Amino acid sequence: MTTLSSAPVAPLLARLFAEVDANPPAQSPAFAGTTAEDHRAMMMSKTDYRSFYARLAEFALPVSPEVGKLLYMLVRATKARSIVEFGTSFGLSTLHLAAGLRDNGGGRLITSEFEPAKLSKAKANLAEGGLADLVEFREGDALETLARDLPEHIDLLLLDGAKALYSDILDRVESRLRPGAILIADNADYCPEYLERVGDVANGYMSMPFTDEVELSIRL
């Protein structure tokens, strides 16, 4: 048995994913009357992301259960002890990452979220899962919260916040990524700048699309 597959984490995640299915983000007024082109423009904006995501404050924006399991497996496989997450939301991905840390014997997970209500829910979920002691929650814009007080070495970086900012967040943490560090970027196609950067070996990365939604990269 693992922390991920046993109580209290497994039933908690099952409940949270069921709640996501019952209250999908597509129901948000943020998407009312918008076209696919409008949606893409909002997701790719570097100026309107605060207002856009504020309109999604009542909706969890998690990775899929399959990607969550991938996160746990990557944490275990790399024996990660130091993780940074951009975009906490309700903490579903955080639970997967922290479960991996627990089964690795401990570690530190820094996660950043600018919606206070979401961070409050995430803290409650991590406490319910018995994993809050492994997590440092940072409230505010990650362009600021992840620009300071980072571990000397980062083993894994999860990018699942405002998509347009992925390359900017990487600017802030890149110097701390150890050789062999794993980067997982959800919906990275909304940030062509990031994909171009990690897709070029000359920049110190090797990268490939893992699924239609996830870009998996390694720091060389």
N, C-alpha and C. Protein backbone atom coordinates (compact mmCIF):
# COMPACT_ATOMS: atom_id res chain seq x y z
N MET A 1 0.83 -1.20 0.00
CA MET A 1 0.00 0.00 0.00
C MET A 1 0.87 1.26 0.00
N THR A 2 0.34 2.32 -0.58
CA THR A 2 1.02 3.61 -0.60
C THR A 2 0.13 4.65 0.06
N THR A 3 0.72 5.79 0.35
CA THR A 3 -0.08 6.90 0.89
C THR A 3 -1.16 7.31 -0.10
N LEU A 4 -0.85 7.24 -1.39
CA LEU A 4 -1.81 7.66 -2.41
C LEU A 4 -2.99 6.70 -2.52
N SER A 5 -2.74 5.42 -2.32
CA SER A 5 -3.77 4.41 -2.55
C SER A 5 -4.52 3.99 -1.28
N SER A 6 -4.22 4.62 -0.16
CA SER A 6 -4.86 4.23 1.09
C SER A 6 -5.51 5.44 1.75
N ALA A 7 -6.32 5.17 2.77
CA ALA A 7 -6.99 6.25 3.52
C ALA A 7 -5.94 7.00 4.36
N PRO A 8 -6.13 8.30 4.54
CA PRO A 8 -7.29 9.10 4.12
C PRO A 8 -7.18 9.71 2.72
N VAL A 9 -6.03 9.55 2.04
CA VAL A 9 -5.82 10.27 0.79
C VAL A 9 -6.70 9.73 -0.34
N ALA A 10 -6.76 8.41 -0.51
CA ALA A 10 -7.50 7.83 -1.64
C ALA A 10 -8.98 8.21 -1.63
N PRO A 11 -9.70 8.03 -0.51
CA PRO A 11 -11.12 8.43 -0.52
C PRO A 11 -11.31 9.94 -0.65
N LEU A 12 -10.37 10.71 -0.12
CA LEU A 12 -10.45 12.16 -0.26
C LEU A 12 -10.34 12.57 -1.72
N LEU A 13 -9.37 12.02 -2.44
CA LEU A 13 -9.22 12.34 -3.85
C LEU A 13 -10.41 11.88 -4.67
N ALA A 14 -10.95 10.71 -4.35
CA ALA A 14 -12.13 10.22 -5.07
C ALA A 14 -13.29 11.20 -4.91
N ARG A 15 -13.47 11.70 -3.70
CA ARG A 15 -14.55 12.67 -3.46
C ARG A 15 -14.29 13.98 -4.19
N LEU A 16 -13.06 14.46 -4.14
CA LEU A 16 -12.74 15.74 -4.77
C LEU A 16 -12.88 15.68 -6.28
N PHE A 17 -12.43 14.59 -6.90
CA PHE A 17 -12.59 14.46 -8.35
C PHE A 17 -14.06 14.32 -8.73
N ALA A 18 -14.85 13.67 -7.88
CA ALA A 18 -16.29 13.58 -8.15
C ALA A 18 -16.94 14.96 -8.08
N GLU A 19 -16.48 15.78 -7.15
CA GLU A 19 -17.00 17.15 -7.04
C GLU A 19 -16.62 17.97 -8.27
N VAL A 20 -15.43 17.75 -8.79
CA VAL A 20 -15.02 18.44 -10.02
C VAL A 20 -15.93 18.05 -11.17
N ASP A 21 -16.22 16.76 -11.29
CA ASP A 21 -17.09 16.29 -12.37
C ASP A 21 -18.49 16.88 -12.26
N ALA A 22 -18.94 17.11 -11.02
CA ALA A 22 -20.28 17.65 -10.80
C ALA A 22 -20.33 19.16 -10.99
N ASN A 23 -19.18 19.81 -10.94
CA ASN A 23 -19.13 21.27 -11.06
C ASN A 23 -17.98 21.66 -11.99
N PRO A 24 -18.09 21.32 -13.28
CA PRO A 24 -16.99 21.56 -14.21
C PRO A 24 -16.78 23.05 -14.49
N PRO A 25 -15.53 23.45 -14.71
CA PRO A 25 -15.23 24.86 -14.97
C PRO A 25 -15.99 25.42 -16.18
N ALA A 26 -16.38 24.56 -17.11
CA ALA A 26 -17.10 25.03 -18.29
C ALA A 26 -18.42 25.70 -17.93
N GLN A 27 -18.94 25.43 -16.71
CA GLN A 27 -20.18 26.05 -16.27
C GLN A 27 -19.97 27.47 -15.76
N SER A 28 -18.72 27.90 -15.65
CA SER A 28 -18.44 29.22 -15.11
C SER A 28 -18.94 30.32 -16.05
N PRO A 29 -19.46 31.41 -15.48
CA PRO A 29 -19.84 32.57 -16.30
C PRO A 29 -18.67 33.14 -17.10
N ALA A 30 -17.44 32.79 -16.69
CA ALA A 30 -16.26 33.28 -17.41
C ALA A 30 -16.25 32.81 -18.85
N PHE A 31 -16.94 31.70 -19.11
CA PHE A 31 -16.96 31.15 -20.46
C PHE A 31 -18.27 31.41 -21.19
N ALA A 32 -19.20 32.07 -20.53
CA ALA A 32 -20.51 32.32 -21.15
C ALA A 32 -20.36 33.20 -22.38
N GLY A 33 -20.90 32.73 -23.48
CA GLY A 33 -20.92 33.51 -24.70
C GLY A 33 -19.57 33.67 -25.38
N THR A 34 -18.58 32.87 -24.97
CA THR A 34 -17.26 32.99 -25.58
C THR A 34 -17.06 31.90 -26.64
N THR A 35 -16.25 32.21 -27.61
CA THR A 35 -15.90 31.23 -28.64
C THR A 35 -14.60 30.53 -28.23
N ALA A 36 -14.25 29.51 -28.99
CA ALA A 36 -12.98 28.82 -28.74
C ALA A 36 -11.81 29.78 -28.88
N GLU A 37 -11.91 30.70 -29.83
CA GLU A 37 -10.86 31.69 -30.03
C GLU A 37 -10.77 32.64 -28.84
N ASP A 38 -11.94 33.04 -28.30
CA ASP A 38 -11.96 33.90 -27.12
C ASP A 38 -11.29 33.20 -25.94
N HIS A 39 -11.64 31.95 -25.77
CA HIS A 39 -11.09 31.17 -24.66
C HIS A 39 -9.58 31.08 -24.77
N ARG A 40 -9.10 30.78 -25.95
CA ARG A 40 -7.65 30.66 -26.13
C ARG A 40 -6.95 32.00 -25.87
N ALA A 41 -7.56 33.08 -26.32
CA ALA A 41 -6.97 34.40 -26.10
C ALA A 41 -6.89 34.72 -24.60
N MET A 42 -7.93 34.36 -23.84
CA MET A 42 -7.92 34.60 -22.40
C MET A 42 -6.84 33.76 -21.72
N MET A 43 -6.72 32.52 -22.14
CA MET A 43 -5.74 31.62 -21.52
C MET A 43 -4.30 32.06 -21.81
N MET A 44 -4.11 32.74 -22.94
CA MET A 44 -2.76 33.12 -23.34
C MET A 44 -2.38 34.53 -22.94
N SER A 45 -3.29 35.24 -22.27
CA SER A 45 -3.04 36.63 -21.92
C SER A 45 -2.10 36.75 -20.71
N LYS A 46 -1.12 37.65 -20.83
CA LYS A 46 -0.22 37.94 -19.72
C LYS A 46 -0.66 39.16 -18.93
N THR A 47 -1.76 39.77 -19.34
CA THR A 47 -2.23 40.98 -18.67
C THR A 47 -3.58 40.79 -17.98
N ASP A 48 -4.40 39.87 -18.47
CA ASP A 48 -5.75 39.71 -17.93
C ASP A 48 -5.92 38.44 -17.11
N TYR A 49 -4.81 37.76 -16.80
CA TYR A 49 -4.95 36.46 -16.13
C TYR A 49 -5.54 36.58 -14.73
N ARG A 50 -5.26 37.68 -14.02
CA ARG A 50 -5.80 37.82 -12.67
C ARG A 50 -7.32 37.88 -12.69
N SER A 51 -7.89 38.71 -13.57
CA SER A 51 -9.34 38.83 -13.63
C SER A 51 -9.97 37.57 -14.18
N PHE A 52 -9.32 36.93 -15.14
CA PHE A 52 -9.86 35.70 -15.73
C PHE A 52 -9.96 34.60 -14.68
N TYR A 53 -8.86 34.37 -13.95
CA TYR A 53 -8.88 33.29 -12.96
C TYR A 53 -9.70 33.65 -11.73
N ALA A 54 -9.87 34.93 -11.46
CA ALA A 54 -10.74 35.34 -10.35
C ALA A 54 -12.18 34.91 -10.63
N ARG A 55 -12.57 34.92 -11.91
CA ARG A 55 -13.92 34.48 -12.27
C ARG A 55 -14.08 32.97 -12.18
N LEU A 56 -12.99 32.27 -11.97
CA LEU A 56 -13.02 30.81 -11.82
C LEU A 56 -12.72 30.40 -10.38
N ALA A 57 -12.87 31.33 -9.46
CA ALA A 57 -12.48 31.08 -8.06
C ALA A 57 -13.28 29.97 -7.40
N GLU A 58 -14.49 29.74 -7.86
CA GLU A 58 -15.33 28.71 -7.25
C GLU A 58 -15.17 27.35 -7.91
N PHE A 59 -14.27 27.26 -8.85
CA PHE A 59 -14.11 26.01 -9.59
C PHE A 59 -12.70 25.46 -9.39
N ALA A 60 -12.62 24.18 -9.09
CA ALA A 60 -11.32 23.51 -9.06
C ALA A 60 -10.81 23.37 -10.49
N LEU A 61 -9.54 23.57 -10.65
CA LEU A 61 -8.92 23.44 -11.98
C LEU A 61 -7.79 22.41 -11.87
N PRO A 62 -8.14 21.17 -11.60
CA PRO A 62 -7.10 20.18 -11.30
C PRO A 62 -6.54 19.49 -12.53
N VAL A 63 -5.43 18.82 -12.32
CA VAL A 63 -4.97 17.87 -13.32
C VAL A 63 -5.95 16.70 -13.34
N SER A 64 -5.88 15.87 -14.36
CA SER A 64 -6.73 14.70 -14.41
C SER A 64 -6.24 13.65 -13.41
N PRO A 65 -7.08 12.67 -13.05
CA PRO A 65 -6.62 11.60 -12.16
C PRO A 65 -5.40 10.87 -12.72
N GLU A 66 -5.35 10.71 -14.04
CA GLU A 66 -4.21 10.02 -14.64
C GLU A 66 -2.92 10.84 -14.48
N VAL A 67 -3.01 12.15 -14.69
CA VAL A 67 -1.84 12.99 -14.52
C VAL A 67 -1.45 13.06 -13.05
N GLY A 68 -2.44 13.04 -12.17
CA GLY A 68 -2.15 13.01 -10.74
C GLY A 68 -1.32 11.79 -10.37
N LYS A 69 -1.70 10.65 -10.90
CA LYS A 69 -0.95 9.42 -10.64
C LYS A 69 0.46 9.53 -11.22
N LEU A 70 0.57 10.15 -12.41
CA LEU A 70 1.89 10.37 -12.99
C LEU A 70 2.76 11.22 -12.07
N LEU A 71 2.18 12.27 -11.49
CA LEU A 71 2.94 13.12 -10.58
C LEU A 71 3.49 12.32 -9.41
N TYR A 72 2.62 11.51 -8.82
CA TYR A 72 3.06 10.67 -7.69
C TYR A 72 4.20 9.76 -8.12
N MET A 73 4.06 9.12 -9.26
CA MET A 73 5.07 8.18 -9.73
C MET A 73 6.40 8.87 -10.02
N LEU A 74 6.35 10.08 -10.58
CA LEU A 74 7.58 10.81 -10.85
C LEU A 74 8.28 11.22 -9.56
N VAL A 75 7.51 11.63 -8.57
CA VAL A 75 8.10 11.97 -7.27
C VAL A 75 8.80 10.76 -6.69
N ARG A 76 8.15 9.61 -6.75
CA ARG A 76 8.75 8.40 -6.20
C ARG A 76 9.96 7.96 -7.00
N ALA A 77 9.84 7.96 -8.33
CA ALA A 77 10.91 7.46 -9.18
C ALA A 77 12.18 8.29 -9.07
N THR A 78 12.02 9.60 -8.87
CA THR A 78 13.18 10.49 -8.78
C THR A 78 13.66 10.69 -7.35
N LYS A 79 12.94 10.05 -6.40
CA LYS A 79 13.26 10.22 -4.98
C LYS A 79 13.28 11.70 -4.58
N ALA A 80 12.34 12.43 -5.14
CA ALA A 80 12.27 13.89 -4.92
C ALA A 80 12.09 14.22 -3.44
N ARG A 81 12.74 15.27 -3.03
CA ARG A 81 12.58 15.80 -1.68
C ARG A 81 12.19 17.27 -1.69
N SER A 82 12.34 17.92 -2.85
CA SER A 82 12.09 19.36 -2.95
C SER A 82 11.27 19.63 -4.21
N ILE A 83 10.04 20.14 -4.03
CA ILE A 83 9.10 20.33 -5.14
C ILE A 83 8.54 21.75 -5.10
N VAL A 84 8.36 22.33 -6.28
CA VAL A 84 7.68 23.63 -6.40
C VAL A 84 6.48 23.45 -7.33
N GLU A 85 5.35 23.99 -6.90
CA GLU A 85 4.11 23.91 -7.68
C GLU A 85 3.57 25.31 -7.93
N PHE A 86 3.30 25.62 -9.17
CA PHE A 86 2.67 26.88 -9.56
C PHE A 86 1.21 26.60 -9.87
N GLY A 87 0.31 27.08 -9.01
CA GLY A 87 -1.12 26.89 -9.19
C GLY A 87 -1.68 25.82 -8.29
N THR A 88 -2.01 26.18 -7.06
CA THR A 88 -2.50 25.20 -6.08
C THR A 88 -3.93 24.79 -6.35
N SER A 89 -4.78 25.77 -6.70
CA SER A 89 -6.22 25.57 -6.81
C SER A 89 -6.74 24.93 -5.53
N PHE A 90 -7.50 23.82 -5.64
CA PHE A 90 -8.05 23.18 -4.44
C PHE A 90 -7.11 22.15 -3.84
N GLY A 91 -5.94 21.98 -4.46
CA GLY A 91 -4.93 21.12 -3.87
C GLY A 91 -4.94 19.67 -4.30
N LEU A 92 -5.62 19.34 -5.41
CA LEU A 92 -5.65 17.94 -5.83
C LEU A 92 -4.27 17.47 -6.31
N SER A 93 -3.62 18.28 -7.14
CA SER A 93 -2.27 17.90 -7.55
C SER A 93 -1.31 17.95 -6.37
N THR A 94 -1.54 18.88 -5.47
CA THR A 94 -0.70 19.00 -4.27
C THR A 94 -0.77 17.74 -3.44
N LEU A 95 -1.95 17.15 -3.34
CA LEU A 95 -2.12 15.90 -2.59
C LEU A 95 -1.29 14.78 -3.21
N HIS A 96 -1.30 14.68 -4.54
CA HIS A 96 -0.51 13.65 -5.21
C HIS A 96 0.99 13.85 -4.97
N LEU A 97 1.43 15.09 -5.10
CA LEU A 97 2.85 15.38 -4.91
C LEU A 97 3.28 15.13 -3.46
N ALA A 98 2.47 15.59 -2.52
CA ALA A 98 2.81 15.43 -1.11
C ALA A 98 2.77 13.96 -0.70
N ALA A 99 1.85 13.19 -1.28
CA ALA A 99 1.81 11.75 -0.99
C ALA A 99 3.11 11.09 -1.42
N GLY A 100 3.65 11.52 -2.56
CA GLY A 100 4.93 11.00 -3.01
C GLY A 100 6.05 11.36 -2.06
N LEU A 101 6.06 12.60 -1.58
CA LEU A 101 7.06 13.01 -0.60
C LEU A 101 6.97 12.18 0.66
N ARG A 102 5.74 11.95 1.13
CA ARG A 102 5.57 11.15 2.35
C ARG A 102 6.18 9.76 2.17
N ASP A 103 5.94 9.16 1.02
CA ASP A 103 6.44 7.81 0.80
C ASP A 103 7.93 7.80 0.45
N ASN A 104 8.49 8.96 0.15
CA ASN A 104 9.94 9.09 -0.02
C ASN A 104 10.64 9.33 1.30
N GLY A 105 9.87 9.49 2.36
CA GLY A 105 10.45 9.73 3.67
C GLY A 105 10.42 11.17 4.12
N GLY A 106 9.76 12.03 3.33
CA GLY A 106 9.63 13.43 3.72
C GLY A 106 10.17 14.37 2.67
N GLY A 107 10.07 15.66 2.94
CA GLY A 107 10.54 16.66 2.01
C GLY A 107 9.76 17.95 2.16
N ARG A 108 9.88 18.81 1.17
CA ARG A 108 9.25 20.14 1.22
C ARG A 108 8.61 20.43 -0.13
N LEU A 109 7.36 20.81 -0.08
CA LEU A 109 6.60 21.19 -1.28
C LEU A 109 6.14 22.63 -1.11
N ILE A 110 6.63 23.51 -1.97
CA ILE A 110 6.20 24.90 -1.99
C ILE A 110 5.15 25.05 -3.08
N THR A 111 3.97 25.55 -2.71
CA THR A 111 2.91 25.73 -3.70
C THR A 111 2.35 27.13 -3.60
N SER A 112 2.04 27.74 -4.74
CA SER A 112 1.63 29.14 -4.78
C SER A 112 0.26 29.28 -5.45
N GLU A 113 -0.59 30.11 -4.85
CA GLU A 113 -1.94 30.35 -5.35
C GLU A 113 -2.35 31.77 -5.00
N PHE A 114 -2.93 32.52 -5.97
CA PHE A 114 -3.30 33.90 -5.66
C PHE A 114 -4.75 34.09 -5.27
N GLU A 115 -5.58 33.05 -5.34
CA GLU A 115 -6.97 33.16 -4.91
C GLU A 115 -7.08 32.69 -3.46
N PRO A 116 -7.35 33.60 -2.49
CA PRO A 116 -7.38 33.22 -1.09
C PRO A 116 -8.39 32.11 -0.78
N ALA A 117 -9.55 32.15 -1.42
CA ALA A 117 -10.57 31.13 -1.15
C ALA A 117 -10.09 29.76 -1.58
N LYS A 118 -9.41 29.70 -2.71
CA LYS A 118 -8.88 28.43 -3.18
C LYS A 118 -7.79 27.92 -2.24
N LEU A 119 -6.93 28.80 -1.80
CA LEU A 119 -5.85 28.39 -0.91
C LEU A 119 -6.41 27.86 0.40
N SER A 120 -7.49 28.48 0.88
CA SER A 120 -8.13 28.01 2.10
C SER A 120 -8.65 26.58 1.93
N LYS A 121 -9.27 26.30 0.79
CA LYS A 121 -9.76 24.95 0.52
C LYS A 121 -8.61 23.97 0.38
N ALA A 122 -7.55 24.39 -0.26
CA ALA A 122 -6.40 23.51 -0.42
C ALA A 122 -5.79 23.15 0.93
N LYS A 123 -5.67 24.14 1.80
CA LYS A 123 -5.12 23.88 3.13
C LYS A 123 -5.98 22.87 3.88
N ALA A 124 -7.31 23.03 3.77
CA ALA A 124 -8.21 22.09 4.44
C ALA A 124 -8.07 20.69 3.85
N ASN A 125 -7.94 20.60 2.55
CA ASN A 125 -7.80 19.29 1.91
C ASN A 125 -6.49 18.60 2.29
N LEU A 126 -5.41 19.36 2.33
CA LEU A 126 -4.12 18.76 2.72
C LEU A 126 -4.13 18.35 4.18
N ALA A 127 -4.82 19.12 5.02
CA ALA A 127 -4.94 18.73 6.42
C ALA A 127 -5.77 17.46 6.55
N GLU A 128 -6.86 17.37 5.80
CA GLU A 128 -7.70 16.17 5.84
C GLU A 128 -6.92 14.95 5.34
N GLY A 129 -6.03 15.17 4.38
CA GLY A 129 -5.23 14.07 3.86
C GLY A 129 -4.02 13.74 4.73
N GLY A 130 -3.82 14.50 5.80
CA GLY A 130 -2.69 14.24 6.69
C GLY A 130 -1.34 14.57 6.10
N LEU A 131 -1.32 15.52 5.16
CA LEU A 131 -0.09 15.83 4.44
C LEU A 131 0.33 17.30 4.57
N ALA A 132 -0.40 18.07 5.35
CA ALA A 132 -0.15 19.51 5.43
C ALA A 132 1.23 19.83 5.97
N ASP A 133 1.80 18.94 6.77
CA ASP A 133 3.12 19.21 7.35
C ASP A 133 4.23 19.24 6.31
N LEU A 134 3.96 18.71 5.12
CA LEU A 134 4.96 18.68 4.05
C LEU A 134 4.87 19.88 3.12
N VAL A 135 3.84 20.72 3.30
CA VAL A 135 3.52 21.75 2.31
C VAL A 135 3.68 23.15 2.88
N GLU A 136 4.35 24.00 2.12
CA GLU A 136 4.43 25.43 2.42
C GLU A 136 3.55 26.16 1.43
N PHE A 137 2.45 26.74 1.92
CA PHE A 137 1.50 27.45 1.07
C PHE A 137 1.91 28.91 0.97
N ARG A 138 2.01 29.41 -0.26
CA ARG A 138 2.33 30.82 -0.47
C ARG A 138 1.17 31.49 -1.21
N GLU A 139 0.61 32.50 -0.59
CA GLU A 139 -0.52 33.22 -1.17
C GLU A 139 -0.04 34.46 -1.90
N GLY A 140 -0.52 34.63 -3.14
CA GLY A 140 -0.16 35.81 -3.92
C GLY A 140 0.24 35.42 -5.33
N ASP A 141 0.64 36.42 -6.08
CA ASP A 141 1.06 36.21 -7.46
C ASP A 141 2.40 35.46 -7.46
N ALA A 142 2.43 34.33 -8.14
CA ALA A 142 3.64 33.50 -8.14
C ALA A 142 4.84 34.20 -8.76
N LEU A 143 4.60 35.20 -9.57
CA LEU A 143 5.73 35.98 -10.10
C LEU A 143 6.51 36.62 -8.97
N GLU A 144 5.85 36.80 -7.83
CA GLU A 144 6.50 37.36 -6.64
C GLU A 144 6.80 36.27 -5.61
N THR A 145 5.83 35.40 -5.35
CA THR A 145 6.00 34.41 -4.27
C THR A 145 7.07 33.38 -4.59
N LEU A 146 7.28 33.10 -5.89
CA LEU A 146 8.29 32.11 -6.27
C LEU A 146 9.58 32.77 -6.74
N ALA A 147 9.72 34.04 -6.45
CA ALA A 147 10.94 34.76 -6.80
C ALA A 147 11.90 34.86 -5.62
N ARG A 148 11.55 34.22 -4.51
CA ARG A 148 12.36 34.34 -3.29
C ARG A 148 12.25 33.07 -2.45
N ASP A 149 13.24 32.92 -1.59
CA ASP A 149 13.24 31.86 -0.56
C ASP A 149 12.94 30.48 -1.14
N LEU A 150 13.65 30.14 -2.19
CA LEU A 150 13.49 28.81 -2.79
C LEU A 150 14.58 27.88 -2.28
N PRO A 151 14.34 26.57 -2.31
CA PRO A 151 15.38 25.62 -1.91
C PRO A 151 16.60 25.74 -2.82
N GLU A 152 17.74 25.32 -2.31
CA GLU A 152 18.95 25.38 -3.12
C GLU A 152 18.83 24.49 -4.34
N HIS A 153 18.18 23.34 -4.18
CA HIS A 153 17.99 22.42 -5.30
C HIS A 153 16.52 22.03 -5.38
N ILE A 154 15.95 22.10 -6.57
CA ILE A 154 14.57 21.69 -6.81
C ILE A 154 14.58 20.43 -7.67
N ASP A 155 13.85 19.41 -7.20
CA ASP A 155 13.81 18.12 -7.89
C ASP A 155 12.69 18.03 -8.92
N LEU A 156 11.62 18.75 -8.68
CA LEU A 156 10.45 18.65 -9.56
C LEU A 156 9.68 19.96 -9.55
N LEU A 157 9.28 20.41 -10.73
CA LEU A 157 8.50 21.64 -10.89
C LEU A 157 7.20 21.30 -11.62
N LEU A 158 6.07 21.64 -11.00
CA LEU A 158 4.77 21.49 -11.66
C LEU A 158 4.23 22.86 -12.01
N LEU A 159 3.92 23.06 -13.28
CA LEU A 159 3.33 24.31 -13.77
C LEU A 159 1.88 24.04 -14.12
N ASP A 160 0.97 24.60 -13.33
CA ASP A 160 -0.46 24.40 -13.57
C ASP A 160 -1.26 25.62 -13.12
N GLY A 161 -0.65 26.79 -13.28
CA GLY A 161 -1.35 28.03 -12.97
C GLY A 161 -1.71 28.75 -14.26
N ALA A 162 -1.63 30.07 -14.24
CA ALA A 162 -1.91 30.86 -15.44
C ALA A 162 -0.93 30.46 -16.54
N LYS A 163 -1.46 29.88 -17.60
CA LYS A 163 -0.62 29.23 -18.61
C LYS A 163 0.38 30.18 -19.27
N ALA A 164 -0.05 31.41 -19.51
CA ALA A 164 0.81 32.37 -20.21
C ALA A 164 2.07 32.70 -19.43
N LEU A 165 2.10 32.38 -18.13
CA LEU A 165 3.22 32.76 -17.28
C LEU A 165 4.26 31.66 -17.12
N TYR A 166 4.09 30.53 -17.79
CA TYR A 166 4.99 29.40 -17.55
C TYR A 166 6.46 29.77 -17.74
N SER A 167 6.78 30.47 -18.81
CA SER A 167 8.17 30.82 -19.04
C SER A 167 8.67 31.81 -18.00
N ASP A 168 7.79 32.72 -17.56
CA ASP A 168 8.17 33.70 -16.53
C ASP A 168 8.43 33.01 -15.19
N ILE A 169 7.62 32.01 -14.86
CA ILE A 169 7.85 31.26 -13.63
C ILE A 169 9.16 30.49 -13.74
N LEU A 170 9.42 29.91 -14.90
CA LEU A 170 10.67 29.19 -15.09
C LEU A 170 11.87 30.12 -14.89
N ASP A 171 11.75 31.37 -15.31
CA ASP A 171 12.81 32.35 -15.08
C ASP A 171 13.18 32.41 -13.60
N ARG A 172 12.19 32.31 -12.74
CA ARG A 172 12.39 32.50 -11.31
C ARG A 172 12.96 31.27 -10.61
N VAL A 173 12.74 30.10 -11.16
CA VAL A 173 13.18 28.89 -10.47
C VAL A 173 14.31 28.17 -11.20
N GLU A 174 14.61 28.56 -12.42
CA GLU A 174 15.53 27.79 -13.26
C GLU A 174 16.88 27.56 -12.60
N SER A 175 17.41 28.58 -11.94
CA SER A 175 18.76 28.46 -11.37
C SER A 175 18.81 27.43 -10.24
N ARG A 176 17.64 27.04 -9.71
CA ARG A 176 17.60 26.08 -8.61
C ARG A 176 17.28 24.65 -9.09
N LEU A 177 16.94 24.49 -10.36
CA LEU A 177 16.62 23.16 -10.87
C LEU A 177 17.90 22.33 -10.96
N ARG A 178 17.93 21.22 -10.28
CA ARG A 178 19.13 20.37 -10.34
C ARG A 178 19.18 19.63 -11.67
N PRO A 179 20.34 19.21 -12.11
CA PRO A 179 20.40 18.36 -13.29
C PRO A 179 19.56 17.10 -13.07
N GLY A 180 18.72 16.80 -14.04
CA GLY A 180 17.80 15.69 -13.90
C GLY A 180 16.46 16.06 -13.32
N ALA A 181 16.28 17.31 -12.93
CA ALA A 181 14.99 17.75 -12.39
C ALA A 181 13.90 17.58 -13.44
N ILE A 182 12.71 17.21 -12.97
CA ILE A 182 11.55 16.99 -13.84
C ILE A 182 10.68 18.24 -13.85
N LEU A 183 10.18 18.61 -15.05
CA LEU A 183 9.22 19.69 -15.21
C LEU A 183 7.98 19.12 -15.86
N ILE A 184 6.82 19.39 -15.25
CA ILE A 184 5.53 18.97 -15.81
C ILE A 184 4.70 20.23 -16.01
N ALA A 185 4.28 20.47 -17.24
CA ALA A 185 3.50 21.67 -17.56
C ALA A 185 2.15 21.24 -18.14
N ASP A 186 1.07 21.58 -17.44
CA ASP A 186 -0.27 21.23 -17.89
C ASP A 186 -0.78 22.30 -18.85
N ASN A 187 -1.38 21.86 -19.96
CA ASN A 187 -1.89 22.78 -20.98
C ASN A 187 -0.83 23.75 -21.48
N ALA A 188 0.36 23.22 -21.68
CA ALA A 188 1.49 24.08 -22.07
C ALA A 188 1.33 24.68 -23.46
N ASP A 189 0.40 24.16 -24.24
CA ASP A 189 0.21 24.71 -25.59
C ASP A 189 -0.27 26.15 -25.56
N TYR A 190 -0.76 26.60 -24.39
CA TYR A 190 -1.17 28.01 -24.26
C TYR A 190 0.03 28.92 -24.01
N CYS A 191 1.23 28.35 -23.90
CA CYS A 191 2.44 29.16 -23.72
C CYS A 191 3.50 28.70 -24.70
N PRO A 192 3.38 29.10 -25.97
CA PRO A 192 4.37 28.70 -26.98
C PRO A 192 5.80 29.08 -26.59
N GLU A 193 5.94 30.18 -25.87
CA GLU A 193 7.26 30.63 -25.44
C GLU A 193 7.92 29.57 -24.55
N TYR A 194 7.13 28.98 -23.66
CA TYR A 194 7.66 27.93 -22.78
C TYR A 194 8.04 26.69 -23.59
N LEU A 195 7.16 26.28 -24.49
CA LEU A 195 7.42 25.08 -25.28
C LEU A 195 8.68 25.25 -26.14
N GLU A 196 8.85 26.42 -26.70
CA GLU A 196 10.05 26.68 -27.51
C GLU A 196 11.30 26.60 -26.64
N ARG A 197 11.18 27.10 -25.44
CA ARG A 197 12.34 27.15 -24.53
C ARG A 197 12.77 25.74 -24.09
N VAL A 198 11.83 24.96 -23.59
CA VAL A 198 12.20 23.63 -23.10
C VAL A 198 12.41 22.64 -24.24
N GLY A 199 11.96 22.99 -25.44
CA GLY A 199 12.11 22.12 -26.58
C GLY A 199 13.46 22.21 -27.26
N ASP A 200 14.32 23.12 -26.78
CA ASP A 200 15.62 23.33 -27.40
C ASP A 200 16.71 22.83 -26.45
N VAL A 201 17.42 21.78 -26.86
CA VAL A 201 18.48 21.22 -26.02
C VAL A 201 19.53 22.27 -25.69
N ALA A 202 19.73 23.23 -26.57
CA ALA A 202 20.71 24.29 -26.33
C ALA A 202 20.37 25.11 -25.09
N ASN A 203 19.08 25.09 -24.69
CA ASN A 203 18.66 25.82 -23.49
C ASN A 203 18.79 24.97 -22.23
N GLY A 204 19.25 23.74 -22.38
CA GLY A 204 19.47 22.90 -21.21
C GLY A 204 18.30 22.02 -20.82
N TYR A 205 17.43 21.72 -21.80
CA TYR A 205 16.27 20.88 -21.51
C TYR A 205 16.09 19.84 -22.61
N MET A 206 15.47 18.75 -22.24
CA MET A 206 14.93 17.80 -23.21
C MET A 206 13.46 17.64 -22.88
N SER A 207 12.61 17.65 -23.91
CA SER A 207 11.18 17.74 -23.65
C SER A 207 10.39 16.97 -24.69
N MET A 208 9.19 16.54 -24.27
CA MET A 208 8.28 15.87 -25.19
C MET A 208 6.87 15.97 -24.65
N PRO A 209 5.86 15.99 -25.53
CA PRO A 209 4.48 15.94 -25.05
C PRO A 209 4.19 14.54 -24.50
N PHE A 210 3.73 14.49 -23.26
CA PHE A 210 3.42 13.19 -22.65
C PHE A 210 2.00 12.76 -22.98
N THR A 211 1.09 13.74 -22.99
CA THR A 211 -0.27 13.53 -23.46
C THR A 211 -0.64 14.75 -24.29
N ASP A 212 -1.89 14.82 -24.72
CA ASP A 212 -2.35 15.99 -25.47
C ASP A 212 -2.28 17.25 -24.61
N GLU A 213 -2.29 17.10 -23.28
CA GLU A 213 -2.36 18.25 -22.39
C GLU A 213 -1.08 18.52 -21.61
N VAL A 214 -0.22 17.53 -21.49
CA VAL A 214 0.93 17.64 -20.58
C VAL A 214 2.25 17.59 -21.33
N GLU A 215 3.13 18.57 -21.04
CA GLU A 215 4.49 18.57 -21.56
C GLU A 215 5.42 18.10 -20.44
N LEU A 216 6.21 17.08 -20.73
CA LEU A 216 7.14 16.51 -19.75
C LEU A 216 8.56 16.84 -20.18
N SER A 217 9.32 17.46 -19.29
CA SER A 217 10.67 17.93 -19.62
C SER A 217 11.64 17.54 -18.52
N ILE A 218 12.91 17.54 -18.87
CA ILE A 218 13.97 17.26 -17.91
C ILE A 218 15.05 18.32 -18.04
N ARG A 219 15.60 18.72 -16.92
CA ARG A 219 16.71 19.67 -16.91
C ARG A 219 18.00 18.89 -17.12
N LEU A 220 18.75 19.26 -18.13
CA LEU A 220 19.97 18.53 -18.47
C LEU A 220 21.16 18.98 -17.60
